[in-house]
Amino acid sequence: MTADTILIQDSEPIATTIEDTIVLLSIRAGAYLKLNEVGGQIWNMLDEPRRVGEILEVLAQIYDAEPGTMRHDVCAFLDTLIERQLIRVLNADDTR
């Protein structure tokens, strides 16, 4: 995954908010995830196509975190969402 990788929510998972926490359920992937504040912000950003670099820039403006650590943690989270088929990678042509 690079800063130019474009991601978007997959259409299958059901997302709901319970007491300020986003919960995702995917029957297809057999996945149930409860997202923390940062995970919820990332999920909400992915309601439209976003580059990984853009996600990192937004989070850097909000949180005081070491850039390398933040990039590692965010990319690991995004990889988990991709593996569980909750988000998907788009080609540049798919965003037009």
PDB file of N, CA and C in Angstrom:
ATOM      1  N   MET A   1       0.847  -1.166   0.000  1.00  0.00           N
ATOM      2  CA  MET A   1       0.000   0.000   0.000  1.00  0.00           C
ATOM      3  C   MET A   1       0.899   1.237   0.000  1.00  0.00           C
ATOM      4  N   THR A   2       0.552   2.178  -0.890  1.00  0.00           N
ATOM      5  CA  THR A   2       1.321   3.414  -0.971  1.00  0.00           C
ATOM      6  C   THR A   2       0.410   4.594  -0.645  1.00  0.00           C
ATOM      7  N   ALA A   3       0.985   5.769  -0.579  1.00  0.00           N
ATOM      8  CA  ALA A   3       0.207   6.984  -0.329  1.00  0.00           C
ATOM      9  C   ALA A   3      -0.793   7.238  -1.448  1.00  0.00           C
ATOM     10  N   ASP A   4      -0.524   6.712  -2.640  1.00  0.00           N
ATOM     11  CA  ASP A   4      -1.420   6.912  -3.782  1.00  0.00           C
ATOM     12  C   ASP A   4      -2.494   5.838  -3.923  1.00  0.00           C
ATOM     13  N   THR A   5      -2.467   4.812  -3.089  1.00  0.00           N
ATOM     14  CA  THR A   5      -3.496   3.774  -3.126  1.00  0.00           C
ATOM     15  C   THR A   5      -4.844   4.406  -2.808  1.00  0.00           C
ATOM     16  N   ILE A   6      -5.837   4.116  -3.633  1.00  0.00           N
ATOM     17  CA  ILE A   6      -7.181   4.672  -3.459  1.00  0.00           C
ATOM     18  C   ILE A   6      -8.084   3.599  -2.863  1.00  0.00           C
ATOM     19  N   LEU A   7      -8.776   3.955  -1.786  1.00  0.00           N
ATOM     20  CA  LEU A   7      -9.637   3.016  -1.066  1.00  0.00           C
ATOM     21  C   LEU A   7     -11.050   3.574  -0.956  1.00  0.00           C
ATOM     22  N   ILE A   8     -12.006   2.674  -0.764  1.00  0.00           N
ATOM     23  CA  ILE A   8     -13.404   3.053  -0.536  1.00  0.00           C
ATOM     24  C   ILE A   8     -14.084   1.952   0.269  1.00  0.00           C
ATOM     25  N   GLN A   9     -15.131   2.306   0.992  1.00  0.00           N
ATOM     26  CA  GLN A   9     -15.914   1.298   1.705  1.00  0.00           C
ATOM     27  C   GLN A   9     -16.498   0.320   0.698  1.00  0.00           C
ATOM     28  N   ASP A  10     -16.557  -0.950   1.071  1.00  0.00           N
ATOM     29  CA  ASP A  10     -17.269  -1.922   0.263  1.00  0.00           C
ATOM     30  C   ASP A  10     -18.757  -1.724   0.532  1.00  0.00           C
ATOM     31  N   SER A  11     -19.603  -2.101  -0.399  1.00  0.00           N
ATOM     32  CA  SER A  11     -21.045  -1.875  -0.253  1.00  0.00           C
ATOM     33  C   SER A  11     -21.729  -2.894   0.658  1.00  0.00           C
ATOM     34  N   GLU A  12     -21.077  -3.999   0.966  1.00  0.00           N
ATOM     35  CA  GLU A  12     -21.743  -5.070   1.708  1.00  0.00           C
ATOM     36  C   GLU A  12     -21.805  -4.858   3.222  1.00  0.00           C
ATOM     37  N   PRO A  13     -20.770  -4.384   3.891  1.00  0.00           N
ATOM     38  CA  PRO A  13     -20.875  -4.310   5.350  1.00  0.00           C
ATOM     39  C   PRO A  13     -21.964  -3.344   5.805  1.00  0.00           C
ATOM     40  N   ILE A  14     -22.577  -3.700   6.895  1.00  0.00           N
ATOM     41  CA  ILE A  14     -23.562  -2.840   7.534  1.00  0.00           C
ATOM     42  C   ILE A  14     -22.827  -2.088   8.636  1.00  0.00           C
ATOM     43  N   ALA A  15     -22.962  -0.773   8.616  1.00  0.00           N
ATOM     44  CA  ALA A  15     -22.328   0.066   9.631  1.00  0.00           C
ATOM     45  C   ALA A  15     -23.415   0.768  10.423  1.00  0.00           C
ATOM     46  N   THR A  16     -23.231   0.803  11.735  1.00  0.00           N
ATOM     47  CA  THR A  16     -24.163   1.527  12.596  1.00  0.00           C
ATOM     48  C   THR A  16     -23.372   2.194  13.708  1.00  0.00           C
ATOM     49  N   THR A  17     -23.958   3.216  14.272  1.00  0.00           N
ATOM     50  CA  THR A  17     -23.322   3.916  15.385  1.00  0.00           C
ATOM     51  C   THR A  17     -24.084   3.598  16.656  1.00  0.00           C
ATOM     52  N   ILE A  18     -23.338   3.132  17.653  1.00  0.00           N
ATOM     53  CA  ILE A  18     -23.901   2.813  18.957  1.00  0.00           C
ATOM     54  C   ILE A  18     -23.079   3.575  19.988  1.00  0.00           C
ATOM     55  N   GLU A  19     -23.726   4.532  20.657  1.00  0.00           N
ATOM     56  CA  GLU A  19     -23.037   5.337  21.676  1.00  0.00           C
ATOM     57  C   GLU A  19     -21.705   5.895  21.168  1.00  0.00           C
ATOM     58  N   ASP A  20     -21.728   6.596  20.057  1.00  0.00           N
ATOM     59  CA  ASP A  20     -20.539   7.240  19.475  1.00  0.00           C
ATOM     60  C   ASP A  20     -19.467   6.272  18.998  1.00  0.00           C
ATOM     61  N   THR A  21     -19.806   4.999  18.856  1.00  0.00           N
ATOM     62  CA  THR A  21     -18.870   3.994  18.366  1.00  0.00           C
ATOM     63  C   THR A  21     -19.449   3.380  17.094  1.00  0.00           C
ATOM     64  N   ILE A  22     -18.626   3.275  16.058  1.00  0.00           N
ATOM     65  CA  ILE A  22     -19.076   2.646  14.817  1.00  0.00           C
ATOM     66  C   ILE A  22     -18.837   1.146  14.906  1.00  0.00           C
ATOM     67  N   VAL A  23     -19.867   0.389  14.560  1.00  0.00           N
ATOM     68  CA  VAL A  23     -19.798  -1.061  14.551  1.00  0.00           C
ATOM     69  C   VAL A  23     -20.073  -1.528  13.120  1.00  0.00           C
ATOM     70  N   LEU A  24     -19.208  -2.403  12.623  1.00  0.00           N
ATOM     71  CA  LEU A  24     -19.349  -2.936  11.264  1.00  0.00           C
ATOM     72  C   LEU A  24     -19.690  -4.411  11.339  1.00  0.00           C
ATOM     73  N   LEU A  25     -20.604  -4.846  10.483  1.00  0.00           N
ATOM     74  CA  LEU A  25     -20.971  -6.253  10.392  1.00  0.00           C
ATOM     75  C   LEU A  25     -20.960  -6.649   8.930  1.00  0.00           C
ATOM     76  N   SER A  26     -20.208  -7.703   8.624  1.00  0.00           N
ATOM     77  CA  SER A  26     -20.170  -8.236   7.269  1.00  0.00           C
ATOM     78  C   SER A  26     -20.460  -9.721   7.335  1.00  0.00           C
ATOM     79  N   ILE A  27     -21.613 -10.101   6.832  1.00  0.00           N
ATOM     80  CA  ILE A  27     -21.987 -11.513   6.794  1.00  0.00           C
ATOM     81  C   ILE A  27     -21.051 -12.268   5.854  1.00  0.00           C
ATOM     82  N   ARG A  28     -20.811 -11.698   4.664  1.00  0.00           N
ATOM     83  CA  ARG A  28     -19.953 -12.325   3.658  1.00  0.00           C
ATOM     84  C   ARG A  28     -18.565 -12.643   4.223  1.00  0.00           C
ATOM     85  N   ALA A  29     -17.980 -11.686   4.928  1.00  0.00           N
ATOM     86  CA  ALA A  29     -16.621 -11.868   5.449  1.00  0.00           C
ATOM     87  C   ALA A  29     -16.619 -12.512   6.834  1.00  0.00           C
ATOM     88  N   GLY A  30     -17.798 -12.685   7.422  1.00  0.00           N
ATOM     89  CA  GLY A  30     -17.863 -13.230   8.772  1.00  0.00           C
ATOM     90  C   GLY A  30     -17.137 -12.333   9.757  1.00  0.00           C
ATOM     91  N   ALA A  31     -17.268 -11.011   9.560  1.00  0.00           N
ATOM     92  CA  ALA A  31     -16.516 -10.054  10.367  1.00  0.00           C
ATOM     93  C   ALA A  31     -17.459  -9.132  11.130  1.00  0.00           C
ATOM     94  N   TYR A  32     -17.087  -8.882  12.372  1.00  0.00           N
ATOM     95  CA  TYR A  32     -17.772  -7.924  13.224  1.00  0.00           C
ATOM     96  C   TYR A  32     -16.670  -7.095  13.866  1.00  0.00           C
ATOM     97  N   LEU A  33     -16.704  -5.793  13.638  1.00  0.00           N
ATOM     98  CA  LEU A  33     -15.663  -4.923  14.176  1.00  0.00           C
ATOM     99  C   LEU A  33     -16.281  -3.741  14.901  1.00  0.00           C
ATOM    100  N   LYS A  34     -15.734  -3.430  16.034  1.00  0.00           N
ATOM    101  CA  LYS A  34     -16.090  -2.236  16.784  1.00  0.00           C
ATOM    102  C   LYS A  34     -14.914  -1.285  16.622  1.00  0.00           C
ATOM    103  N   LEU A  35     -15.149  -0.125  16.022  1.00  0.00           N
ATOM    104  CA  LEU A  35     -14.078   0.803  15.702  1.00  0.00           C
ATOM    105  C   LEU A  35     -13.901   1.847  16.802  1.00  0.00           C
ATOM    106  N   ASN A  36     -12.646   2.124  17.138  1.00  0.00           N
ATOM    107  CA  ASN A  36     -12.380   3.201  18.078  1.00  0.00           C
ATOM    108  C   ASN A  36     -12.550   4.537  17.359  1.00  0.00           C
ATOM    109  N   GLU A  37     -12.267   5.637  18.029  1.00  0.00           N
ATOM    110  CA  GLU A  37     -12.477   6.960  17.455  1.00  0.00           C
ATOM    111  C   GLU A  37     -11.724   7.152  16.134  1.00  0.00           C
ATOM    112  N   VAL A  38     -10.460   6.773  16.116  1.00  0.00           N
ATOM    113  CA  VAL A  38      -9.654   6.941  14.904  1.00  0.00           C
ATOM    114  C   VAL A  38     -10.162   6.021  13.799  1.00  0.00           C
ATOM    115  N   GLY A  39     -10.452   4.772  14.136  1.00  0.00           N
ATOM    116  CA  GLY A  39     -10.986   3.840  13.153  1.00  0.00           C
ATOM    117  C   GLY A  39     -12.293   4.339  12.570  1.00  0.00           C
ATOM    118  N   GLY A  40     -13.133   4.923  13.409  1.00  0.00           N
ATOM    119  CA  GLY A  40     -14.398   5.483  12.940  1.00  0.00           C
ATOM    120  C   GLY A  40     -14.182   6.653  11.998  1.00  0.00           C
ATOM    121  N   GLN A  41     -13.196   7.495  12.307  1.00  0.00           N
ATOM    122  CA  GLN A  41     -12.894   8.616  11.418  1.00  0.00           C
ATOM    123  C   GLN A  41     -12.410   8.105  10.062  1.00  0.00           C
ATOM    124  N   ILE A  42     -11.558   7.093  10.085  1.00  0.00           N
ATOM    125  CA  ILE A  42     -11.069   6.518   8.830  1.00  0.00           C
ATOM    126  C   ILE A  42     -12.239   5.925   8.045  1.00  0.00           C
ATOM    127  N   TRP A  43     -13.090   5.168   8.717  1.00  0.00           N
ATOM    128  CA  TRP A  43     -14.244   4.559   8.047  1.00  0.00           C
ATOM    129  C   TRP A  43     -15.105   5.637   7.392  1.00  0.00           C
ATOM    130  N   ASN A  44     -15.394   6.703   8.128  1.00  0.00           N
ATOM    131  CA  ASN A  44     -16.234   7.771   7.579  1.00  0.00           C
ATOM    132  C   ASN A  44     -15.571   8.458   6.392  1.00  0.00           C
ATOM    133  N   MET A  45     -14.248   8.607   6.416  1.00  0.00           N
ATOM    134  CA  MET A  45     -13.549   9.210   5.281  1.00  0.00           C
ATOM    135  C   MET A  45     -13.671   8.347   4.033  1.00  0.00           C
ATOM    136  N   LEU A  46     -13.817   7.038   4.229  1.00  0.00           N
ATOM    137  CA  LEU A  46     -13.856   6.118   3.097  1.00  0.00           C
ATOM    138  C   LEU A  46     -15.254   5.940   2.509  1.00  0.00           C
ATOM    139  N   ASP A  47     -16.196   6.834   2.862  1.00  0.00           N
ATOM    140  CA  ASP A  47     -17.506   6.767   2.219  1.00  0.00           C
ATOM    141  C   ASP A  47     -17.422   7.265   0.783  1.00  0.00           C
ATOM    142  N   GLU A  48     -16.293   7.848   0.429  1.00  0.00           N
ATOM    143  CA  GLU A  48     -15.983   8.199  -0.951  1.00  0.00           C
ATOM    144  C   GLU A  48     -14.524   7.831  -1.202  1.00  0.00           C
ATOM    145  N   PRO A  49     -14.130   7.679  -2.454  1.00  0.00           N
ATOM    146  CA  PRO A  49     -12.743   7.270  -2.720  1.00  0.00           C
ATOM    147  C   PRO A  49     -11.735   8.240  -2.113  1.00  0.00           C
ATOM    148  N   ARG A  50     -10.736   7.687  -1.417  1.00  0.00           N
ATOM    149  CA  ARG A  50      -9.688   8.497  -0.785  1.00  0.00           C
ATOM    150  C   ARG A  50      -8.339   7.835  -0.983  1.00  0.00           C
ATOM    151  N   ARG A  51      -7.339   8.651  -1.197  1.00  0.00           N
ATOM    152  CA  ARG A  51      -5.966   8.166  -1.230  1.00  0.00           C
ATOM    153  C   ARG A  51      -5.485   7.980   0.202  1.00  0.00           C
ATOM    154  N   VAL A  52      -4.662   6.976   0.412  1.00  0.00           N
ATOM    155  CA  VAL A  52      -4.107   6.709   1.736  1.00  0.00           C
ATOM    156  C   VAL A  52      -3.374   7.954   2.243  1.00  0.00           C
ATOM    157  N   GLY A  53      -2.643   8.624   1.370  1.00  0.00           N
ATOM    158  CA  GLY A  53      -1.926   9.835   1.766  1.00  0.00           C
ATOM    159  C   GLY A  53      -2.850  10.910   2.299  1.00  0.00           C
ATOM    160  N   GLU A  54      -4.027  11.033   1.708  1.00  0.00           N
ATOM    161  CA  GLU A  54      -5.008  12.017   2.172  1.00  0.00           C
ATOM    162  C   GLU A  54      -5.520  11.660   3.564  1.00  0.00           C
ATOM    163  N   ILE A  55      -5.771  10.388   3.793  1.00  0.00           N
ATOM    164  CA  ILE A  55      -6.211   9.931   5.115  1.00  0.00           C
ATOM    165  C   ILE A  55      -5.150  10.279   6.159  1.00  0.00           C
ATOM    166  N   LEU A  56      -3.905   9.995   5.833  1.00  0.00           N
ATOM    167  CA  LEU A  56      -2.811  10.287   6.759  1.00  0.00           C
ATOM    168  C   LEU A  56      -2.680  11.783   7.025  1.00  0.00           C
ATOM    169  N   GLU A  57      -2.859  12.603   6.005  1.00  0.00           N
ATOM    170  CA  GLU A  57      -2.780  14.057   6.176  1.00  0.00           C
ATOM    171  C   GLU A  57      -3.864  14.567   7.122  1.00  0.00           C
ATOM    172  N   VAL A  58      -5.090  14.088   6.940  1.00  0.00           N
ATOM    173  CA  VAL A  58      -6.201  14.511   7.797  1.00  0.00           C
ATOM    174  C   VAL A  58      -5.934  14.098   9.241  1.00  0.00           C
ATOM    175  N   LEU A  59      -5.506  12.864   9.437  1.00  0.00           N
ATOM    176  CA  LEU A  59      -5.246  12.390  10.796  1.00  0.00           C
ATOM    177  C   LEU A  59      -4.088  13.147  11.442  1.00  0.00           C
ATOM    178  N   ALA A  60      -3.078  13.503  10.660  1.00  0.00           N
ATOM    179  CA  ALA A  60      -1.935  14.254  11.190  1.00  0.00           C
ATOM    180  C   ALA A  60      -2.363  15.631  11.689  1.00  0.00           C
ATOM    181  N   GLN A  61      -3.394  16.214  11.048  1.00  0.00           N
ATOM    182  CA  GLN A  61      -3.900  17.513  11.487  1.00  0.00           C
ATOM    183  C   GLN A  61      -4.669  17.404  12.802  1.00  0.00           C
ATOM    184  N   ILE A  62      -5.227  16.241  13.068  1.00  0.00           N
ATOM    185  CA  ILE A  62      -6.061  16.043  14.258  1.00  0.00           C
ATOM    186  C   ILE A  62      -5.240  15.544  15.444  1.00  0.00           C
ATOM    187  N   TYR A  63      -4.320  14.603  15.178  1.00  0.00           N
ATOM    188  CA  TYR A  63      -3.603  13.921  16.249  1.00  0.00           C
ATOM    189  C   TYR A  63      -2.120  14.263  16.245  1.00  0.00           C
ATOM    190  N   ASP A  64      -1.574  14.373  17.412  1.00  0.00           N
ATOM    191  CA  ASP A  64      -0.145  14.617  17.571  1.00  0.00           C
ATOM    192  C   ASP A  64       0.540  13.262  17.716  1.00  0.00           C
ATOM    193  N   ALA A  65       0.883  12.688  16.588  1.00  0.00           N
ATOM    194  CA  ALA A  65       1.521  11.367  16.589  1.00  0.00           C
ATOM    195  C   ALA A  65       2.746  11.408  15.693  1.00  0.00           C
ATOM    196  N   GLU A  66       3.711  10.581  16.005  1.00  0.00           N
ATOM    197  CA  GLU A  66       4.920  10.480  15.187  1.00  0.00           C
ATOM    198  C   GLU A  66       4.503   9.934  13.826  1.00  0.00           C
ATOM    199  N   PRO A  67       4.869  10.620  12.725  1.00  0.00           N
ATOM    200  CA  PRO A  67       4.386  10.235  11.396  1.00  0.00           C
ATOM    201  C   PRO A  67       4.651   8.774  11.020  1.00  0.00           C
ATOM    202  N   GLY A  68       5.832   8.249  11.323  1.00  0.00           N
ATOM    203  CA  GLY A  68       6.134   6.864  10.966  1.00  0.00           C
ATOM    204  C   GLY A  68       5.244   5.877  11.706  1.00  0.00           C
ATOM    205  N   THR A  69       5.016   6.143  12.975  1.00  0.00           N
ATOM    206  CA  THR A  69       4.151   5.274  13.781  1.00  0.00           C
ATOM    207  C   THR A  69       2.715   5.347  13.281  1.00  0.00           C
ATOM    208  N   MET A  70       2.264   6.573  12.992  1.00  0.00           N
ATOM    209  CA  MET A  70       0.896   6.734  12.512  1.00  0.00           C
ATOM    210  C   MET A  70       0.711   6.013  11.179  1.00  0.00           C
ATOM    211  N   ARG A  71       1.665   6.181  10.266  1.00  0.00           N
ATOM    212  CA  ARG A  71       1.560   5.520   8.962  1.00  0.00           C
ATOM    213  C   ARG A  71       1.509   4.001   9.138  1.00  0.00           C
ATOM    214  N   HIS A  72       2.360   3.471   9.999  1.00  0.00           N
ATOM    215  CA  HIS A  72       2.389   2.025  10.244  1.00  0.00           C
ATOM    216  C   HIS A  72       1.042   1.547  10.790  1.00  0.00           C
ATOM    217  N   ASP A  73       0.537   2.235  11.811  1.00  0.00           N
ATOM    218  CA  ASP A  73      -0.707   1.814  12.456  1.00  0.00           C
ATOM    219  C   ASP A  73      -1.910   1.946  11.522  1.00  0.00           C
ATOM    220  N   VAL A  74      -1.977   3.056  10.789  1.00  0.00           N
ATOM    221  CA  VAL A  74      -3.106   3.274   9.880  1.00  0.00           C
ATOM    222  C   VAL A  74      -3.074   2.254   8.739  1.00  0.00           C
ATOM    223  N   CYS A  75      -1.915   2.015   8.168  1.00  0.00           N
ATOM    224  CA  CYS A  75      -1.815   1.042   7.072  1.00  0.00           C
ATOM    225  C   CYS A  75      -2.147  -0.370   7.552  1.00  0.00           C
ATOM    226  N   ALA A  76      -1.737  -0.716   8.765  1.00  0.00           N
ATOM    227  CA  ALA A  76      -2.084  -2.034   9.318  1.00  0.00           C
ATOM    228  C   ALA A  76      -3.602  -2.152   9.482  1.00  0.00           C
ATOM    229  N   PHE A  77      -4.244  -1.091   9.954  1.00  0.00           N
ATOM    230  CA  PHE A  77      -5.702  -1.082  10.099  1.00  0.00           C
ATOM    231  C   PHE A  77      -6.380  -1.212   8.731  1.00  0.00           C
ATOM    232  N   LEU A  78      -5.901  -0.435   7.760  1.00  0.00           N
ATOM    233  CA  LEU A  78      -6.469  -0.507   6.412  1.00  0.00           C
ATOM    234  C   LEU A  78      -6.275  -1.889   5.798  1.00  0.00           C
ATOM    235  N   ASP A  79      -5.116  -2.494   6.015  1.00  0.00           N
ATOM    236  CA  ASP A  79      -4.883  -3.859   5.522  1.00  0.00           C
ATOM    237  C   ASP A  79      -5.890  -4.833   6.120  1.00  0.00           C
ATOM    238  N   THR A  80      -6.194  -4.680   7.399  1.00  0.00           N
ATOM    239  CA  THR A  80      -7.176  -5.538   8.061  1.00  0.00           C
ATOM    240  C   THR A  80      -8.552  -5.364   7.423  1.00  0.00           C
ATOM    241  N   LEU A  81      -8.929  -4.112   7.160  1.00  0.00           N
ATOM    242  CA  LEU A  81     -10.228  -3.870   6.520  1.00  0.00           C
ATOM    243  C   LEU A  81     -10.287  -4.464   5.121  1.00  0.00           C
ATOM    244  N   ILE A  82      -9.179  -4.386   4.382  1.00  0.00           N
ATOM    245  CA  ILE A  82      -9.123  -4.981   3.042  1.00  0.00           C
ATOM    246  C   ILE A  82      -9.230  -6.497   3.137  1.00  0.00           C
ATOM    247  N   GLU A  83      -8.472  -7.104   4.025  1.00  0.00           N
ATOM    248  CA  GLU A  83      -8.493  -8.566   4.187  1.00  0.00           C
ATOM    249  C   GLU A  83      -9.878  -9.069   4.557  1.00  0.00           C
ATOM    250  N   ARG A  84     -10.602  -8.298   5.349  1.00  0.00           N
ATOM    251  CA  ARG A  84     -11.951  -8.701   5.769  1.00  0.00           C
ATOM    252  C   ARG A  84     -13.018  -8.246   4.780  1.00  0.00           C
ATOM    253  N   GLN A  85     -12.592  -7.692   3.653  1.00  0.00           N
ATOM    254  CA  GLN A  85     -13.473  -7.261   2.567  1.00  0.00           C
ATOM    255  C   GLN A  85     -14.456  -6.177   3.002  1.00  0.00           C
ATOM    256  N   LEU A  86     -14.027  -5.333   3.928  1.00  0.00           N
ATOM    257  CA  LEU A  86     -14.865  -4.230   4.384  1.00  0.00           C
ATOM    258  C   LEU A  86     -14.601  -2.960   3.579  1.00  0.00           C
ATOM    259  N   ILE A  87     -13.392  -2.853   3.035  1.00  0.00           N
ATOM    260  CA  ILE A  87     -13.053  -1.791   2.095  1.00  0.00           C
ATOM    261  C   ILE A  87     -12.377  -2.442   0.899  1.00  0.00           C
ATOM    262  N   ARG A  88     -12.268  -1.681  -0.176  1.00  0.00           N
ATOM    263  CA  ARG A  88     -11.605  -2.240  -1.353  1.00  0.00           C
ATOM    264  C   ARG A  88     -10.709  -1.191  -1.992  1.00  0.00           C
ATOM    265  N   VAL A  89      -9.759  -1.689  -2.757  1.00  0.00           N
ATOM    266  CA  VAL A  89      -8.809  -0.850  -3.474  1.00  0.00           C
ATOM    267  C   VAL A  89      -9.402  -0.540  -4.841  1.00  0.00           C
ATOM    268  N   LEU A  90      -9.338   0.725  -5.220  1.00  0.00           N
ATOM    269  CA  LEU A  90      -9.820   1.149  -6.528  1.00  0.00           C
ATOM    270  C   LEU A  90      -8.644   1.469  -7.430  1.00  0.00           C
ATOM    271  N   ASN A  91      -8.856   1.256  -8.706  1.00  0.00           N
ATOM    272  CA  ASN A  91      -7.908   1.739  -9.713  1.00  0.00           C
ATOM    273  C   ASN A  91      -8.210   3.208  -9.932  1.00  0.00           C
ATOM    274  N   ALA A  92      -7.240   3.965 -10.388  1.00  0.00           N
ATOM    275  CA  ALA A  92      -7.448   5.391 -10.646  1.00  0.00           C
ATOM    276  C   ALA A  92      -8.616   5.607 -11.612  1.00  0.00           C
ATOM    277  N   ASP A  93      -8.802   4.706 -12.565  1.00  0.00           N
ATOM    278  CA  ASP A  93      -9.904   4.827 -13.534  1.00  0.00           C
ATOM    279  C   ASP A  93     -11.271   4.667 -12.884  1.00  0.00           C
ATOM    280  N   ASP A  94     -11.348   3.932 -11.758  1.00  0.00           N
ATOM    281  CA  ASP A  94     -12.623   3.682 -11.085  1.00  0.00           C
ATOM    282  C   ASP A  94     -13.180   4.920 -10.395  1.00  0.00           C
ATOM    283  N   THR A  95     -12.352   5.931 -10.177  1.00  0.00           N
ATOM    284  CA  THR A  95     -12.789   7.112  -9.428  1.00  0.00           C
ATOM    285  C   THR A  95     -13.376   8.193 -10.315  1.00  0.00           C
ATOM    286  N   ARG A  96     -13.364   7.977 -11.593  1.00  0.00           N
ATOM    287  CA  ARG A  96     -13.891   8.994 -12.531  1.00  0.00           C
ATOM    288  C   ARG A  96     -15.357   8.818 -12.756  1.00  0.00           C
TER     289      ARG A  96
END
